[in-house]
Amino acid sequence: MANIQEAMKGEKKPYYMSAIWSYNHNRNLDQGTWLDAGSRQSTTEFIQCKYWLARLQLKTGDKKSAIISANEGLKLATAQN
């Protein structure tokens, strides 16, 4: 976590990978906001951000938001074929 906090001080913040690390290590699961910020940095990662956001939301018990995020990601992925 200290490495993530240090990296967040830099110009290009590792929002996407930090959120995935949080999910995989069951720490700081409230960092779905990192995925929102990460999705604004890169269009390519936007669909993956929605996917991981849905997983984080589901893991924290927010099923309603997880369904919304998953459906948004599905819609975007379908549009991009």
N, C-alpha and C. Protein backbone atom coordinates (compact mmCIF):
# COMPACT_ATOMS: atom_id res chain seq x y z
N MET A 1 0.82 -1.18 0.00
CA MET A 1 0.00 0.00 0.00
C MET A 1 0.87 1.25 0.00
N ALA A 2 2.00 1.18 0.66
CA ALA A 2 2.91 2.34 0.68
C ALA A 2 3.40 2.66 -0.73
N ASN A 3 3.67 1.64 -1.54
CA ASN A 3 4.09 1.86 -2.92
C ASN A 3 2.99 2.55 -3.73
N ILE A 4 1.76 2.13 -3.51
CA ILE A 4 0.64 2.75 -4.21
C ILE A 4 0.50 4.21 -3.82
N GLN A 5 0.58 4.47 -2.54
CA GLN A 5 0.46 5.86 -2.08
C GLN A 5 1.57 6.73 -2.65
N GLU A 6 2.76 6.18 -2.75
CA GLU A 6 3.87 6.93 -3.33
C GLU A 6 3.64 7.17 -4.83
N ALA A 7 3.18 6.14 -5.54
CA ALA A 7 2.91 6.28 -6.97
C ALA A 7 1.80 7.29 -7.25
N MET A 8 0.85 7.42 -6.35
CA MET A 8 -0.25 8.36 -6.53
C MET A 8 0.22 9.82 -6.45
N LYS A 9 1.43 10.03 -5.95
CA LYS A 9 1.98 11.38 -5.89
C LYS A 9 2.53 11.81 -7.24
N GLY A 10 2.76 10.84 -8.14
CA GLY A 10 3.34 11.14 -9.44
C GLY A 10 2.33 11.76 -10.40
N GLU A 11 2.83 12.10 -11.57
CA GLU A 11 1.99 12.75 -12.57
C GLU A 11 0.98 11.77 -13.18
N LYS A 12 1.43 10.56 -13.55
CA LYS A 12 0.53 9.54 -14.11
C LYS A 12 0.19 8.56 -13.00
N LYS A 13 -0.98 8.71 -12.47
CA LYS A 13 -1.40 7.92 -11.31
C LYS A 13 -1.90 6.53 -11.75
N PRO A 14 -1.49 5.49 -11.06
CA PRO A 14 -1.87 4.11 -11.43
C PRO A 14 -3.23 3.71 -10.85
N TYR A 15 -4.27 4.47 -11.18
CA TYR A 15 -5.60 4.21 -10.61
C TYR A 15 -6.08 2.78 -10.90
N TYR A 16 -6.01 2.40 -12.14
CA TYR A 16 -6.55 1.11 -12.57
C TYR A 16 -5.87 -0.05 -11.85
N MET A 17 -4.54 -0.09 -11.91
CA MET A 17 -3.82 -1.20 -11.28
C MET A 17 -3.94 -1.17 -9.75
N SER A 18 -4.05 0.02 -9.18
CA SER A 18 -4.20 0.13 -7.73
C SER A 18 -5.53 -0.43 -7.27
N ALA A 19 -6.57 -0.18 -8.04
CA ALA A 19 -7.89 -0.71 -7.68
C ALA A 19 -7.90 -2.24 -7.79
N ILE A 20 -7.26 -2.77 -8.82
CA ILE A 20 -7.18 -4.23 -8.97
C ILE A 20 -6.37 -4.83 -7.82
N TRP A 21 -5.26 -4.18 -7.44
CA TRP A 21 -4.47 -4.67 -6.31
C TRP A 21 -5.33 -4.70 -5.04
N SER A 22 -6.11 -3.64 -4.83
CA SER A 22 -6.98 -3.57 -3.65
C SER A 22 -7.98 -4.73 -3.65
N TYR A 23 -8.55 -5.00 -4.81
CA TYR A 23 -9.51 -6.10 -4.93
C TYR A 23 -8.83 -7.43 -4.60
N ASN A 24 -7.71 -7.68 -5.23
CA ASN A 24 -7.02 -8.97 -5.06
C ASN A 24 -6.49 -9.20 -3.65
N HIS A 25 -6.21 -8.12 -2.92
CA HIS A 25 -5.65 -8.24 -1.58
C HIS A 25 -6.66 -7.91 -0.47
N ASN A 26 -7.91 -7.68 -0.87
CA ASN A 26 -8.97 -7.37 0.10
C ASN A 26 -8.60 -6.20 1.01
N ARG A 27 -8.00 -5.18 0.43
CA ARG A 27 -7.62 -4.00 1.20
C ARG A 27 -8.11 -2.76 0.47
N ASN A 28 -8.57 -1.80 1.23
CA ASN A 28 -9.04 -0.53 0.67
C ASN A 28 -10.07 -0.75 -0.44
N LEU A 29 -11.05 -1.59 -0.17
CA LEU A 29 -12.04 -1.92 -1.20
C LEU A 29 -12.93 -0.74 -1.57
N ASP A 30 -12.84 0.33 -0.83
CA ASP A 30 -13.63 1.51 -1.15
C ASP A 30 -12.97 2.34 -2.26
N GLN A 31 -11.94 1.83 -2.85
CA GLN A 31 -11.20 2.59 -3.86
C GLN A 31 -11.79 2.44 -5.27
N GLY A 32 -13.06 2.20 -5.36
CA GLY A 32 -13.72 2.21 -6.66
C GLY A 32 -13.58 3.56 -7.34
N THR A 33 -13.37 4.59 -6.54
CA THR A 33 -13.16 5.93 -7.11
C THR A 33 -11.90 5.96 -7.96
N TRP A 34 -10.92 5.10 -7.65
CA TRP A 34 -9.73 5.02 -8.48
C TRP A 34 -10.10 4.57 -9.88
N LEU A 35 -11.06 3.67 -9.98
CA LEU A 35 -11.47 3.19 -11.30
C LEU A 35 -12.19 4.28 -12.08
N ASP A 36 -12.97 5.08 -11.40
CA ASP A 36 -13.62 6.20 -12.08
C ASP A 36 -12.57 7.16 -12.62
N ALA A 37 -11.58 7.47 -11.81
CA ALA A 37 -10.52 8.37 -12.24
C ALA A 37 -9.69 7.73 -13.36
N GLY A 38 -9.42 6.45 -13.23
CA GLY A 38 -8.65 5.74 -14.26
C GLY A 38 -9.36 5.69 -15.59
N SER A 39 -10.67 5.59 -15.56
CA SER A 39 -11.42 5.51 -16.81
C SER A 39 -11.37 6.84 -17.55
N ARG A 40 -11.12 7.91 -16.85
CA ARG A 40 -11.00 9.21 -17.50
C ARG A 40 -9.62 9.41 -18.12
N GLN A 41 -8.65 8.61 -17.69
CA GLN A 41 -7.29 8.73 -18.23
C GLN A 41 -7.15 8.02 -19.57
N SER A 42 -7.86 6.92 -19.76
CA SER A 42 -7.65 6.11 -20.96
C SER A 42 -8.97 5.51 -21.44
N THR A 43 -9.28 5.75 -22.69
CA THR A 43 -10.49 5.17 -23.27
C THR A 43 -10.37 3.66 -23.36
N THR A 44 -9.16 3.18 -23.64
CA THR A 44 -8.92 1.75 -23.77
C THR A 44 -9.26 1.01 -22.48
N GLU A 45 -8.92 1.61 -21.35
CA GLU A 45 -9.15 0.95 -20.07
C GLU A 45 -10.58 1.17 -19.54
N PHE A 46 -11.36 1.98 -20.21
CA PHE A 46 -12.67 2.33 -19.67
C PHE A 46 -13.57 1.12 -19.45
N ILE A 47 -13.62 0.22 -20.41
CA ILE A 47 -14.46 -0.98 -20.26
C ILE A 47 -13.94 -1.85 -19.13
N GLN A 48 -12.63 -2.03 -19.06
CA GLN A 48 -12.05 -2.81 -17.97
C GLN A 48 -12.31 -2.15 -16.62
N CYS A 49 -12.31 -0.84 -16.59
CA CYS A 49 -12.62 -0.12 -15.34
C CYS A 49 -14.03 -0.44 -14.87
N LYS A 50 -14.97 -0.47 -15.80
CA LYS A 50 -16.35 -0.81 -15.44
C LYS A 50 -16.43 -2.23 -14.90
N TYR A 51 -15.69 -3.14 -15.52
CA TYR A 51 -15.66 -4.54 -15.08
C TYR A 51 -15.14 -4.65 -13.65
N TRP A 52 -14.00 -4.02 -13.38
CA TRP A 52 -13.41 -4.10 -12.05
C TRP A 52 -14.21 -3.33 -11.02
N LEU A 53 -14.83 -2.24 -11.44
CA LEU A 53 -15.69 -1.49 -10.53
C LEU A 53 -16.86 -2.36 -10.10
N ALA A 54 -17.45 -3.08 -11.04
CA ALA A 54 -18.56 -3.99 -10.70
C ALA A 54 -18.09 -5.07 -9.73
N ARG A 55 -16.91 -5.60 -9.93
CA ARG A 55 -16.38 -6.62 -9.03
C ARG A 55 -16.15 -6.07 -7.63
N LEU A 56 -15.58 -4.86 -7.54
CA LEU A 56 -15.37 -4.23 -6.23
C LEU A 56 -16.70 -3.97 -5.53
N GLN A 57 -17.66 -3.46 -6.28
CA GLN A 57 -18.97 -3.17 -5.69
C GLN A 57 -19.63 -4.45 -5.19
N LEU A 58 -19.53 -5.51 -5.96
CA LEU A 58 -20.12 -6.78 -5.54
C LEU A 58 -19.42 -7.31 -4.29
N LYS A 59 -18.11 -7.20 -4.26
CA LYS A 59 -17.33 -7.69 -3.11
C LYS A 59 -17.67 -6.93 -1.83
N THR A 60 -18.05 -5.65 -1.97
CA THR A 60 -18.39 -4.85 -0.79
C THR A 60 -19.88 -4.95 -0.46
N GLY A 61 -20.62 -5.75 -1.24
CA GLY A 61 -22.03 -5.96 -0.94
C GLY A 61 -22.99 -5.00 -1.63
N ASP A 62 -22.49 -4.17 -2.52
CA ASP A 62 -23.34 -3.21 -3.23
C ASP A 62 -23.77 -3.83 -4.56
N LYS A 63 -24.69 -4.79 -4.48
CA LYS A 63 -25.11 -5.54 -5.66
C LYS A 63 -25.80 -4.66 -6.70
N LYS A 64 -26.60 -3.71 -6.23
CA LYS A 64 -27.33 -2.84 -7.16
C LYS A 64 -26.36 -2.04 -8.04
N SER A 65 -25.37 -1.43 -7.42
CA SER A 65 -24.38 -0.67 -8.18
C SER A 65 -23.52 -1.57 -9.06
N ALA A 66 -23.23 -2.77 -8.58
CA ALA A 66 -22.43 -3.72 -9.36
C ALA A 66 -23.16 -4.09 -10.66
N ILE A 67 -24.45 -4.29 -10.58
CA ILE A 67 -25.24 -4.62 -11.78
C ILE A 67 -25.23 -3.44 -12.75
N ILE A 68 -25.38 -2.25 -12.23
CA ILE A 68 -25.37 -1.06 -13.08
C ILE A 68 -24.02 -0.92 -13.78
N SER A 69 -22.94 -1.04 -13.03
CA SER A 69 -21.60 -0.91 -13.61
C SER A 69 -21.33 -2.00 -14.64
N ALA A 70 -21.72 -3.22 -14.34
CA ALA A 70 -21.52 -4.32 -15.28
C ALA A 70 -22.31 -4.09 -16.57
N ASN A 71 -23.52 -3.63 -16.44
CA ASN A 71 -24.34 -3.36 -17.63
C ASN A 71 -23.77 -2.22 -18.46
N GLU A 72 -23.24 -1.19 -17.80
CA GLU A 72 -22.60 -0.09 -18.53
C GLU A 72 -21.39 -0.60 -19.31
N GLY A 73 -20.58 -1.44 -18.67
CA GLY A 73 -19.42 -2.01 -19.34
C GLY A 73 -19.80 -2.89 -20.52
N LEU A 74 -20.85 -3.69 -20.33
CA LEU A 74 -21.33 -4.56 -21.40
C LEU A 74 -21.81 -3.74 -22.60
N LYS A 75 -22.53 -2.68 -22.30
CA LYS A 75 -23.04 -1.80 -23.35
C LYS A 75 -21.89 -1.17 -24.15
N LEU A 76 -20.88 -0.71 -23.43
CA LEU A 76 -19.71 -0.11 -24.09
C LEU A 76 -18.94 -1.15 -24.91
N ALA A 77 -18.76 -2.34 -24.37
CA ALA A 77 -18.03 -3.39 -25.08
C ALA A 77 -18.79 -3.81 -26.33
N THR A 78 -20.09 -3.91 -26.24
CA THR A 78 -20.91 -4.29 -27.40
C THR A 78 -20.80 -3.21 -28.49
N ALA A 79 -20.82 -1.95 -28.07
CA ALA A 79 -20.72 -0.85 -29.03
C ALA A 79 -19.36 -0.85 -29.74
N GLN A 80 -18.32 -1.30 -29.05
CA GLN A 80 -16.99 -1.34 -29.65
C GLN A 80 -16.70 -2.67 -30.34
N ASN A 81 -17.70 -3.56 -30.27
CA ASN A 81 -17.62 -4.86 -30.94
C ASN A 81 -16.49 -5.71 -30.38
